[in-house]
Amino acid sequence: MRFITSLVVTAVMVLGTAAIATQAADQKVTLMLGGKHCDSYLNDVETALKTVPGVKSVDLKSMPGHAVIETDGGKAKPQDLETAVNGVKGSGWNCTGKVMK
């Protein structure tokens, strides 16, 4: 009985470690923002970015003129983030986003 208990505990430890190791780490992507009057519509930029699947958080304050986006294990592709920002526009104004490398 002790052998079986030891075997089960070892299996749980090994499988648990494997599951943790296979999870992708969170990633940060930085976009340089631009466009006519875009700085007046940062709430719209944040809303657009948060609609992209895999986006965990959006920081528009730590780097003026930039969006720092934390993604869930690379689920949000950088080009999808650019597309989201580039879609923020209105009559006489627009926003642009370009991934910084």
PDB file of N, CA and C in Angstrom:
ATOM      1  N   MET A   1       0.823  -1.192   0.000  1.00  0.00           N
ATOM      2  CA  MET A   1       0.000   0.000   0.000  1.00  0.00           C
ATOM      3  C   MET A   1       0.863   1.250   0.000  1.00  0.00           C
ATOM      4  N   ARG A   2       1.956   1.225   0.766  1.00  0.00           N
ATOM      5  CA  ARG A   2       2.853   2.377   0.795  1.00  0.00           C
ATOM      6  C   ARG A   2       3.458   2.638  -0.581  1.00  0.00           C
ATOM      7  N   PHE A   3       3.783   1.556  -1.274  1.00  0.00           N
ATOM      8  CA  PHE A   3       4.376   1.680  -2.597  1.00  0.00           C
ATOM      9  C   PHE A   3       3.409   2.385  -3.549  1.00  0.00           C
ATOM     10  N   ILE A   4       2.134   2.011  -3.526  1.00  0.00           N
ATOM     11  CA  ILE A   4       1.126   2.601  -4.406  1.00  0.00           C
ATOM     12  C   ILE A   4       0.939   4.074  -4.059  1.00  0.00           C
ATOM     13  N   THR A   5       0.876   4.399  -2.780  1.00  0.00           N
ATOM     14  CA  THR A   5       0.742   5.784  -2.354  1.00  0.00           C
ATOM     15  C   THR A   5       1.931   6.603  -2.827  1.00  0.00           C
ATOM     16  N   SER A   6       3.119   6.064  -2.666  1.00  0.00           N
ATOM     17  CA  SER A   6       4.330   6.756  -3.111  1.00  0.00           C
ATOM     18  C   SER A   6       4.317   6.955  -4.622  1.00  0.00           C
ATOM     19  N   LEU A   7       3.865   5.950  -5.342  1.00  0.00           N
ATOM     20  CA  LEU A   7       3.792   6.023  -6.796  1.00  0.00           C
ATOM     21  C   LEU A   7       2.802   7.097  -7.231  1.00  0.00           C
ATOM     22  N   VAL A   8       1.660   7.167  -6.584  1.00  0.00           N
ATOM     23  CA  VAL A   8       0.643   8.170  -6.915  1.00  0.00           C
ATOM     24  C   VAL A   8       1.166   9.575  -6.623  1.00  0.00           C
ATOM     25  N   VAL A   9       1.787   9.775  -5.493  1.00  0.00           N
ATOM     26  CA  VAL A   9       2.334  11.090  -5.129  1.00  0.00           C
ATOM     27  C   VAL A   9       3.397  11.513  -6.137  1.00  0.00           C
ATOM     28  N   THR A  10       4.267  10.599  -6.519  1.00  0.00           N
ATOM     29  CA  THR A  10       5.307  10.906  -7.502  1.00  0.00           C
ATOM     30  C   THR A  10       4.685  11.276  -8.845  1.00  0.00           C
ATOM     31  N   ALA A  11       3.690  10.540  -9.264  1.00  0.00           N
ATOM     32  CA  ALA A  11       3.024  10.813 -10.539  1.00  0.00           C
ATOM     33  C   ALA A  11       2.367  12.190 -10.525  1.00  0.00           C
ATOM     34  N   VAL A  12       1.710  12.544  -9.441  1.00  0.00           N
ATOM     35  CA  VAL A  12       1.060  13.855  -9.329  1.00  0.00           C
ATOM     36  C   VAL A  12       2.101  14.965  -9.388  1.00  0.00           C
ATOM     37  N   MET A  13       3.229  14.781  -8.711  1.00  0.00           N
ATOM     38  CA  MET A  13       4.284  15.796  -8.719  1.00  0.00           C
ATOM     39  C   MET A  13       4.856  15.962 -10.119  1.00  0.00           C
ATOM     40  N   VAL A  14       5.115  14.873 -10.816  1.00  0.00           N
ATOM     41  CA  VAL A  14       5.688  14.935 -12.158  1.00  0.00           C
ATOM     42  C   VAL A  14       4.702  15.574 -13.134  1.00  0.00           C
ATOM     43  N   LEU A  15       3.453  15.140 -13.102  1.00  0.00           N
ATOM     44  CA  LEU A  15       2.453  15.681 -14.018  1.00  0.00           C
ATOM     45  C   LEU A  15       2.160  17.148 -13.721  1.00  0.00           C
ATOM     46  N   GLY A  16       2.129  17.505 -12.463  1.00  0.00           N
ATOM     47  CA  GLY A  16       1.905  18.901 -12.090  1.00  0.00           C
ATOM     48  C   GLY A  16       3.020  19.794 -12.593  1.00  0.00           C
ATOM     49  N   THR A  17       4.250  19.340 -12.482  1.00  0.00           N
ATOM     50  CA  THR A  17       5.401  20.097 -12.974  1.00  0.00           C
ATOM     51  C   THR A  17       5.347  20.219 -14.487  1.00  0.00           C
ATOM     52  N   ALA A  18       4.968  19.162 -15.166  1.00  0.00           N
ATOM     53  CA  ALA A  18       4.871  19.199 -16.630  1.00  0.00           C
ATOM     54  C   ALA A  18       3.801  20.184 -17.075  1.00  0.00           C
ATOM     55  N   ALA A  19       2.679  20.233 -16.382  1.00  0.00           N
ATOM     56  CA  ALA A  19       1.611  21.156 -16.748  1.00  0.00           C
ATOM     57  C   ALA A  19       2.065  22.603 -16.580  1.00  0.00           C
ATOM     58  N   ILE A  20       2.786  22.890 -15.532  1.00  0.00           N
ATOM     59  CA  ILE A  20       3.287  24.246 -15.307  1.00  0.00           C
ATOM     60  C   ILE A  20       4.306  24.610 -16.371  1.00  0.00           C
ATOM     61  N   ALA A  21       5.163  23.684 -16.726  1.00  0.00           N
ATOM     62  CA  ALA A  21       6.213  23.956 -17.705  1.00  0.00           C
ATOM     63  C   ALA A  21       5.648  24.198 -19.097  1.00  0.00           C
ATOM     64  N   THR A  22       4.498  23.602 -19.430  1.00  0.00           N
ATOM     65  CA  THR A  22       3.950  23.756 -20.768  1.00  0.00           C
ATOM     66  C   THR A  22       3.140  25.032 -20.928  1.00  0.00           C
ATOM     67  N   GLN A  23       2.785  25.684 -19.847  1.00  0.00           N
ATOM     68  CA  GLN A  23       2.055  26.936 -19.968  1.00  0.00           C
ATOM     69  C   GLN A  23       3.002  28.012 -20.486  1.00  0.00           C
ATOM     70  N   ALA A  24       2.555  28.731 -21.510  1.00  0.00           N
ATOM     71  CA  ALA A  24       3.378  29.804 -22.071  1.00  0.00           C
ATOM     72  C   ALA A  24       3.374  30.987 -21.116  1.00  0.00           C
ATOM     73  N   ALA A  25       4.499  31.652 -21.069  1.00  0.00           N
ATOM     74  CA  ALA A  25       4.624  32.820 -20.202  1.00  0.00           C
ATOM     75  C   ALA A  25       3.886  34.004 -20.807  1.00  0.00           C
ATOM     76  N   ASP A  26       3.430  34.892 -19.946  1.00  0.00           N
ATOM     77  CA  ASP A  26       2.809  36.123 -20.419  1.00  0.00           C
ATOM     78  C   ASP A  26       3.839  36.917 -21.205  1.00  0.00           C
ATOM     79  N   GLN A  27       3.362  37.649 -22.199  1.00  0.00           N
ATOM     80  CA  GLN A  27       4.249  38.451 -23.020  1.00  0.00           C
ATOM     81  C   GLN A  27       3.800  39.902 -22.985  1.00  0.00           C
ATOM     82  N   LYS A  28       4.761  40.811 -23.163  1.00  0.00           N
ATOM     83  CA  LYS A  28       4.440  42.231 -23.269  1.00  0.00           C
ATOM     84  C   LYS A  28       4.770  42.688 -24.676  1.00  0.00           C
ATOM     85  N   VAL A  29       3.835  43.429 -25.250  1.00  0.00           N
ATOM     86  CA  VAL A  29       4.013  43.999 -26.574  1.00  0.00           C
ATOM     87  C   VAL A  29       3.848  45.504 -26.425  1.00  0.00           C
ATOM     88  N   THR A  30       4.760  46.267 -27.025  1.00  0.00           N
ATOM     89  CA  THR A  30       4.680  47.720 -26.974  1.00  0.00           C
ATOM     90  C   THR A  30       4.344  48.251 -28.361  1.00  0.00           C
ATOM     91  N   LEU A  31       3.297  49.072 -28.421  1.00  0.00           N
ATOM     92  CA  LEU A  31       2.904  49.723 -29.660  1.00  0.00           C
ATOM     93  C   LEU A  31       3.221  51.207 -29.561  1.00  0.00           C
ATOM     94  N   MET A  32       3.804  51.774 -30.617  1.00  0.00           N
ATOM     95  CA  MET A  32       3.970  53.214 -30.705  1.00  0.00           C
ATOM     96  C   MET A  32       2.675  53.755 -31.312  1.00  0.00           C
ATOM     97  N   LEU A  33       2.062  54.712 -30.624  1.00  0.00           N
ATOM     98  CA  LEU A  33       0.794  55.260 -31.068  1.00  0.00           C
ATOM     99  C   LEU A  33       1.013  56.549 -31.843  1.00  0.00           C
ATOM    100  N   GLY A  34       0.160  56.779 -32.801  1.00  0.00           N
ATOM    101  CA  GLY A  34       0.209  58.013 -33.574  1.00  0.00           C
ATOM    102  C   GLY A  34      -1.158  58.280 -34.160  1.00  0.00           C
ATOM    103  N   GLY A  35      -1.204  59.228 -35.054  1.00  0.00           N
ATOM    104  CA  GLY A  35      -2.464  59.572 -35.705  1.00  0.00           C
ATOM    105  C   GLY A  35      -2.960  60.929 -35.265  1.00  0.00           C
ATOM    106  N   LYS A  36      -3.835  61.470 -36.074  1.00  0.00           N
ATOM    107  CA  LYS A  36      -4.372  62.806 -35.831  1.00  0.00           C
ATOM    108  C   LYS A  36      -5.305  62.801 -34.621  1.00  0.00           C
ATOM    109  N   HIS A  37      -4.904  63.502 -33.584  1.00  0.00           N
ATOM    110  CA  HIS A  37      -5.675  63.661 -32.336  1.00  0.00           C
ATOM    111  C   HIS A  37      -5.870  62.359 -31.558  1.00  0.00           C
ATOM    112  N   CYS A  38      -5.054  61.349 -31.824  1.00  0.00           N
ATOM    113  CA  CYS A  38      -5.220  60.055 -31.153  1.00  0.00           C
ATOM    114  C   CYS A  38      -5.077  60.177 -29.638  1.00  0.00           C
ATOM    115  N   ASP A  39      -4.183  61.071 -29.190  1.00  0.00           N
ATOM    116  CA  ASP A  39      -3.968  61.201 -27.748  1.00  0.00           C
ATOM    117  C   ASP A  39      -5.231  61.646 -27.000  1.00  0.00           C
ATOM    118  N   SER A  40      -6.211  62.162 -27.713  1.00  0.00           N
ATOM    119  CA  SER A  40      -7.475  62.547 -27.085  1.00  0.00           C
ATOM    120  C   SER A  40      -8.458  61.386 -26.988  1.00  0.00           C
ATOM    121  N   TYR A  41      -8.108  60.245 -27.586  1.00  0.00           N
ATOM    122  CA  TYR A  41      -9.029  59.111 -27.648  1.00  0.00           C
ATOM    123  C   TYR A  41      -8.402  57.837 -27.081  1.00  0.00           C
ATOM    124  N   LEU A  42      -7.592  57.992 -26.043  1.00  0.00           N
ATOM    125  CA  LEU A  42      -6.908  56.828 -25.473  1.00  0.00           C
ATOM    126  C   LEU A  42      -7.874  55.828 -24.846  1.00  0.00           C
ATOM    127  N   ASN A  43      -8.998  56.296 -24.336  1.00  0.00           N
ATOM    128  CA  ASN A  43      -9.985  55.350 -23.795  1.00  0.00           C
ATOM    129  C   ASN A  43     -10.504  54.436 -24.895  1.00  0.00           C
ATOM    130  N   ASP A  44     -10.695  54.995 -26.097  1.00  0.00           N
ATOM    131  CA  ASP A  44     -11.138  54.175 -27.227  1.00  0.00           C
ATOM    132  C   ASP A  44     -10.054  53.182 -27.635  1.00  0.00           C
ATOM    133  N   VAL A  45      -8.789  53.609 -27.575  1.00  0.00           N
ATOM    134  CA  VAL A  45      -7.670  52.717 -27.890  1.00  0.00           C
ATOM    135  C   VAL A  45      -7.635  51.566 -26.888  1.00  0.00           C
ATOM    136  N   GLU A  46      -7.770  51.890 -25.620  1.00  0.00           N
ATOM    137  CA  GLU A  46      -7.757  50.846 -24.584  1.00  0.00           C
ATOM    138  C   GLU A  46      -8.905  49.862 -24.786  1.00  0.00           C
ATOM    139  N   THR A  47     -10.091  50.373 -25.067  1.00  0.00           N
ATOM    140  CA  THR A  47     -11.251  49.513 -25.296  1.00  0.00           C
ATOM    141  C   THR A  47     -11.023  48.588 -26.486  1.00  0.00           C
ATOM    142  N   ALA A  48     -10.481  49.135 -27.572  1.00  0.00           N
ATOM    143  CA  ALA A  48     -10.226  48.334 -28.777  1.00  0.00           C
ATOM    144  C   ALA A  48      -9.210  47.232 -28.494  1.00  0.00           C
ATOM    145  N   LEU A  49      -8.146  47.564 -27.766  1.00  0.00           N
ATOM    146  CA  LEU A  49      -7.118  46.569 -27.463  1.00  0.00           C
ATOM    147  C   LEU A  49      -7.656  45.459 -26.566  1.00  0.00           C
ATOM    148  N   LYS A  50      -8.511  45.815 -25.629  1.00  0.00           N
ATOM    149  CA  LYS A  50      -9.054  44.812 -24.701  1.00  0.00           C
ATOM    150  C   LYS A  50     -10.035  43.867 -25.367  1.00  0.00           C
ATOM    151  N   THR A  51     -10.499  44.198 -26.573  1.00  0.00           N
ATOM    152  CA  THR A  51     -11.390  43.284 -27.289  1.00  0.00           C
ATOM    153  C   THR A  51     -10.618  42.189 -28.017  1.00  0.00           C
ATOM    154  N   VAL A  52      -9.298  42.340 -28.135  1.00  0.00           N
ATOM    155  CA  VAL A  52      -8.479  41.331 -28.808  1.00  0.00           C
ATOM    156  C   VAL A  52      -8.323  40.131 -27.871  1.00  0.00           C
ATOM    157  N   PRO A  53      -8.694  38.924 -28.324  1.00  0.00           N
ATOM    158  CA  PRO A  53      -8.557  37.739 -27.467  1.00  0.00           C
ATOM    159  C   PRO A  53      -7.113  37.541 -27.007  1.00  0.00           C
ATOM    160  N   GLY A  54      -6.939  37.303 -25.712  1.00  0.00           N
ATOM    161  CA  GLY A  54      -5.616  37.071 -25.143  1.00  0.00           C
ATOM    162  C   GLY A  54      -4.997  38.287 -24.472  1.00  0.00           C
ATOM    163  N   VAL A  55      -5.622  39.459 -24.616  1.00  0.00           N
ATOM    164  CA  VAL A  55      -5.092  40.658 -23.956  1.00  0.00           C
ATOM    165  C   VAL A  55      -5.496  40.631 -22.495  1.00  0.00           C
ATOM    166  N   LYS A  56      -4.492  40.730 -21.618  1.00  0.00           N
ATOM    167  CA  LYS A  56      -4.747  40.720 -20.176  1.00  0.00           C
ATOM    168  C   LYS A  56      -4.832  42.126 -19.611  1.00  0.00           C
ATOM    169  N   SER A  57      -3.943  43.018 -20.079  1.00  0.00           N
ATOM    170  CA  SER A  57      -3.959  44.383 -19.565  1.00  0.00           C
ATOM    171  C   SER A  57      -3.380  45.339 -20.603  1.00  0.00           C
ATOM    172  N   VAL A  58      -3.779  46.602 -20.461  1.00  0.00           N
ATOM    173  CA  VAL A  58      -3.303  47.659 -21.351  1.00  0.00           C
ATOM    174  C   VAL A  58      -2.837  48.820 -20.479  1.00  0.00           C
ATOM    175  N   ASP A  59      -1.594  49.259 -20.695  1.00  0.00           N
ATOM    176  CA  ASP A  59      -1.026  50.380 -19.955  1.00  0.00           C
ATOM    177  C   ASP A  59      -0.729  51.500 -20.946  1.00  0.00           C
ATOM    178  N   LEU A  60      -1.430  52.622 -20.791  1.00  0.00           N
ATOM    179  CA  LEU A  60      -1.230  53.768 -21.675  1.00  0.00           C
ATOM    180  C   LEU A  60      -0.554  54.932 -20.955  1.00  0.00           C
ATOM    181  N   LYS A  61      -0.166  54.728 -19.705  1.00  0.00           N
ATOM    182  CA  LYS A  61       0.366  55.830 -18.902  1.00  0.00           C
ATOM    183  C   LYS A  61       1.866  55.773 -18.663  1.00  0.00           C
ATOM    184  N   SER A  62       2.446  54.580 -18.599  1.00  0.00           N
ATOM    185  CA  SER A  62       3.864  54.492 -18.214  1.00  0.00           C
ATOM    186  C   SER A  62       4.800  55.012 -19.304  1.00  0.00           C
ATOM    187  N   MET A  63       4.394  54.931 -20.560  1.00  0.00           N
ATOM    188  CA  MET A  63       5.198  55.432 -21.682  1.00  0.00           C
ATOM    189  C   MET A  63       4.301  56.306 -22.559  1.00  0.00           C
ATOM    190  N   PRO A  64       4.358  57.624 -22.395  1.00  0.00           N
ATOM    191  CA  PRO A  64       3.504  58.492 -23.213  1.00  0.00           C
ATOM    192  C   PRO A  64       3.702  58.220 -24.711  1.00  0.00           C
ATOM    193  N   GLY A  65       2.586  58.172 -25.438  1.00  0.00           N
ATOM    194  CA  GLY A  65       2.638  57.908 -26.866  1.00  0.00           C
ATOM    195  C   GLY A  65       2.770  56.438 -27.214  1.00  0.00           C
ATOM    196  N   HIS A  66       2.629  55.587 -26.212  1.00  0.00           N
ATOM    197  CA  HIS A  66       2.783  54.145 -26.420  1.00  0.00           C
ATOM    198  C   HIS A  66       1.699  53.386 -25.651  1.00  0.00           C
ATOM    199  N   ALA A  67       1.448  52.176 -26.106  1.00  0.00           N
ATOM    200  CA  ALA A  67       0.582  51.245 -25.379  1.00  0.00           C
ATOM    201  C   ALA A  67       1.418  50.017 -25.046  1.00  0.00           C
ATOM    202  N   VAL A  68       1.453  49.672 -23.774  1.00  0.00           N
ATOM    203  CA  VAL A  68       2.148  48.460 -23.338  1.00  0.00           C
ATOM    204  C   VAL A  68       1.062  47.449 -23.004  1.00  0.00           C
ATOM    205  N   ILE A  69       1.040  46.367 -23.773  1.00  0.00           N
ATOM    206  CA  ILE A  69      -0.027  45.372 -23.663  1.00  0.00           C
ATOM    207  C   ILE A  69       0.552  44.071 -23.123  1.00  0.00           C
ATOM    208  N   GLU A  70      -0.076  43.549 -22.080  1.00  0.00           N
ATOM    209  CA  GLU A  70       0.315  42.243 -21.556  1.00  0.00           C
ATOM    210  C   GLU A  70      -0.652  41.221 -22.128  1.00  0.00           C
ATOM    211  N   THR A  71      -0.090  40.187 -22.768  1.00  0.00           N
ATOM    212  CA  THR A  71      -0.925  39.164 -23.387  1.00  0.00           C
ATOM    213  C   THR A  71      -0.763  37.832 -22.664  1.00  0.00           C
ATOM    214  N   ASP A  72      -1.768  37.023 -22.797  1.00  0.00           N
ATOM    215  CA  ASP A  72      -1.811  35.708 -22.170  1.00  0.00           C
ATOM    216  C   ASP A  72      -1.088  34.699 -23.051  1.00  0.00           C
ATOM    217  N   GLY A  73       0.181  34.497 -22.761  1.00  0.00           N
ATOM    218  CA  GLY A  73       0.962  33.466 -23.437  1.00  0.00           C
ATOM    219  C   GLY A  73       1.027  33.575 -24.941  1.00  0.00           C
ATOM    220  N   GLY A  74       1.032  34.770 -25.460  1.00  0.00           N
ATOM    221  CA  GLY A  74       1.164  34.942 -26.900  1.00  0.00           C
ATOM    222  C   GLY A  74      -0.106  34.665 -27.680  1.00  0.00           C
ATOM    223  N   LYS A  75      -1.249  34.599 -27.002  1.00  0.00           N
ATOM    224  CA  LYS A  75      -2.507  34.345 -27.710  1.00  0.00           C
ATOM    225  C   LYS A  75      -2.895  35.520 -28.608  1.00  0.00           C
ATOM    226  N   ALA A  76      -2.539  36.723 -28.207  1.00  0.00           N
ATOM    227  CA  ALA A  76      -2.826  37.907 -29.021  1.00  0.00           C
ATOM    228  C   ALA A  76      -1.617  38.178 -29.914  1.00  0.00           C
ATOM    229  N   LYS A  77      -1.837  38.134 -31.210  1.00  0.00           N
ATOM    230  CA  LYS A  77      -0.754  38.374 -32.153  1.00  0.00           C
ATOM    231  C   LYS A  77      -0.502  39.869 -32.284  1.00  0.00           C
ATOM    232  N   PRO A  78       0.760  40.290 -32.404  1.00  0.00           N
ATOM    233  CA  PRO A  78       1.071  41.718 -32.537  1.00  0.00           C
ATOM    234  C   PRO A  78       0.314  42.399 -33.673  1.00  0.00           C
ATOM    235  N   GLN A  79       0.144  41.718 -34.802  1.00  0.00           N
ATOM    236  CA  GLN A  79      -0.570  42.349 -35.914  1.00  0.00           C
ATOM    237  C   GLN A  79      -2.046  42.558 -35.588  1.00  0.00           C
ATOM    238  N   ASP A  80      -2.617  41.706 -34.728  1.00  0.00           N
ATOM    239  CA  ASP A  80      -4.005  41.896 -34.299  1.00  0.00           C
ATOM    240  C   ASP A  80      -4.127  43.131 -33.402  1.00  0.00           C
ATOM    241  N   LEU A  81      -3.097  43.381 -32.603  1.00  0.00           N
ATOM    242  CA  LEU A  81      -3.091  44.572 -31.755  1.00  0.00           C
ATOM    243  C   LEU A  81      -2.996  45.832 -32.612  1.00  0.00           C
ATOM    244  N   GLU A  82      -2.129  45.807 -33.631  1.00  0.00           N
ATOM    245  CA  GLU A  82      -2.018  46.936 -34.557  1.00  0.00           C
ATOM    246  C   GLU A  82      -3.353  47.193 -35.249  1.00  0.00           C
ATOM    247  N   THR A  83      -3.985  46.132 -35.726  1.00  0.00           N
ATOM    248  CA  THR A  83      -5.261  46.256 -36.425  1.00  0.00           C
ATOM    249  C   THR A  83      -6.321  46.876 -35.520  1.00  0.00           C
ATOM    250  N   ALA A  84      -6.338  46.475 -34.262  1.00  0.00           N
ATOM    251  CA  ALA A  84      -7.315  47.017 -33.316  1.00  0.00           C
ATOM    252  C   ALA A  84      -7.126  48.524 -33.148  1.00  0.00           C
ATOM    253  N   VAL A  85      -5.891  48.964 -32.994  1.00  0.00           N
ATOM    254  CA  VAL A  85      -5.621  50.399 -32.820  1.00  0.00           C
ATOM    255  C   VAL A  85      -5.923  51.158 -34.111  1.00  0.00           C
ATOM    256  N   ASN A  86      -5.533  50.596 -35.235  1.00  0.00           N
ATOM    257  CA  ASN A  86      -5.756  51.271 -36.516  1.00  0.00           C
ATOM    258  C   ASN A  86      -7.243  51.424 -36.843  1.00  0.00           C
ATOM    259  N   GLY A  87      -8.073  50.638 -36.201  1.00  0.00           N
ATOM    260  CA  GLY A  87      -9.516  50.744 -36.398  1.00  0.00           C
ATOM    261  C   GLY A  87     -10.170  51.815 -35.546  1.00  0.00           C
ATOM    262  N   VAL A  88      -9.413  52.468 -34.667  1.00  0.00           N
ATOM    263  CA  VAL A  88      -9.954  53.521 -33.813  1.00  0.00           C
ATOM    264  C   VAL A  88      -9.870  54.832 -34.594  1.00  0.00           C
ATOM    265  N   LYS A  89     -11.037  55.292 -35.059  1.00  0.00           N
ATOM    266  CA  LYS A  89     -11.060  56.524 -35.853  1.00  0.00           C
ATOM    267  C   LYS A  89     -12.449  57.104 -35.854  1.00  0.00           C
ATOM    268  N   GLY A  90     -12.509  58.343 -36.249  1.00  0.00           N
ATOM    269  CA  GLY A  90     -13.785  59.039 -36.325  1.00  0.00           C
ATOM    270  C   GLY A  90     -13.695  60.129 -37.367  1.00  0.00           C
ATOM    271  N   SER A  91     -14.629  61.019 -37.327  1.00  0.00           N
ATOM    272  CA  SER A  91     -14.671  62.117 -38.286  1.00  0.00           C
ATOM    273  C   SER A  91     -13.564  63.117 -37.977  1.00  0.00           C
ATOM    274  N   GLY A  92     -12.539  63.135 -38.812  1.00  0.00           N
ATOM    275  CA  GLY A  92     -11.452  64.094 -38.641  1.00  0.00           C
ATOM    276  C   GLY A  92     -10.332  63.642 -37.712  1.00  0.00           C
ATOM    277  N   TRP A  93     -10.374  62.413 -37.222  1.00  0.00           N
ATOM    278  CA  TRP A  93      -9.299  61.930 -36.358  1.00  0.00           C
ATOM    279  C   TRP A  93      -9.103  60.434 -36.585  1.00  0.00           C
ATOM    280  N   ASN A  94      -7.916  59.951 -36.221  1.00  0.00           N
ATOM    281  CA  ASN A  94      -7.614  58.523 -36.342  1.00  0.00           C
ATOM    282  C   ASN A  94      -6.448  58.169 -35.415  1.00  0.00           C
ATOM    283  N   CYS A  95      -6.337  56.899 -35.139  1.00  0.00           N
ATOM    284  CA  CYS A  95      -5.211  56.398 -34.349  1.00  0.00           C
ATOM    285  C   CYS A  95      -4.449  55.351 -35.174  1.00  0.00           C
ATOM    286  N   THR A  96      -3.157  55.297 -34.943  1.00  0.00           N
ATOM    287  CA  THR A  96      -2.332  54.280 -35.574  1.00  0.00           C
ATOM    288  C   THR A  96      -1.481  53.609 -34.501  1.00  0.00           C
ATOM    289  N   GLY A  97      -1.187  52.359 -34.715  1.00  0.00           N
ATOM    290  CA  GLY A  97      -0.330  51.618 -33.801  1.00  0.00           C
ATOM    291  C   GLY A  97       0.689  50.833 -34.580  1.00  0.00           C
ATOM    292  N   LYS A  98       1.920  50.884 -34.116  1.00  0.00           N
ATOM    293  CA  LYS A  98       3.019  50.156 -34.769  1.00  0.00           C
ATOM    294  C   LYS A  98       3.812  49.424 -33.689  1.00  0.00           C
ATOM    295  N   VAL A  99       3.974  48.102 -33.875  1.00  0.00           N
ATOM    296  CA  VAL A  99       4.719  47.293 -32.904  1.00  0.00           C
ATOM    297  C   VAL A  99       6.160  47.750 -32.871  1.00  0.00           C
ATOM    298  N   MET A 100       6.666  47.962 -31.672  1.00  0.00           N
ATOM    299  CA  MET A 100       8.086  48.303 -31.490  1.00  0.00           C
ATOM    300  C   MET A 100       8.859  47.009 -31.298  1.00  0.00           C
ATOM    301  N   LYS A 101       9.978  46.900 -31.964  1.00  0.00           N
ATOM    302  CA  LYS A 101      10.780  45.675 -31.867  1.00  0.00           C
ATOM    303  C   LYS A 101      11.987  45.895 -31.016  1.00  0.00           C
TER     304      LYS A 101
END
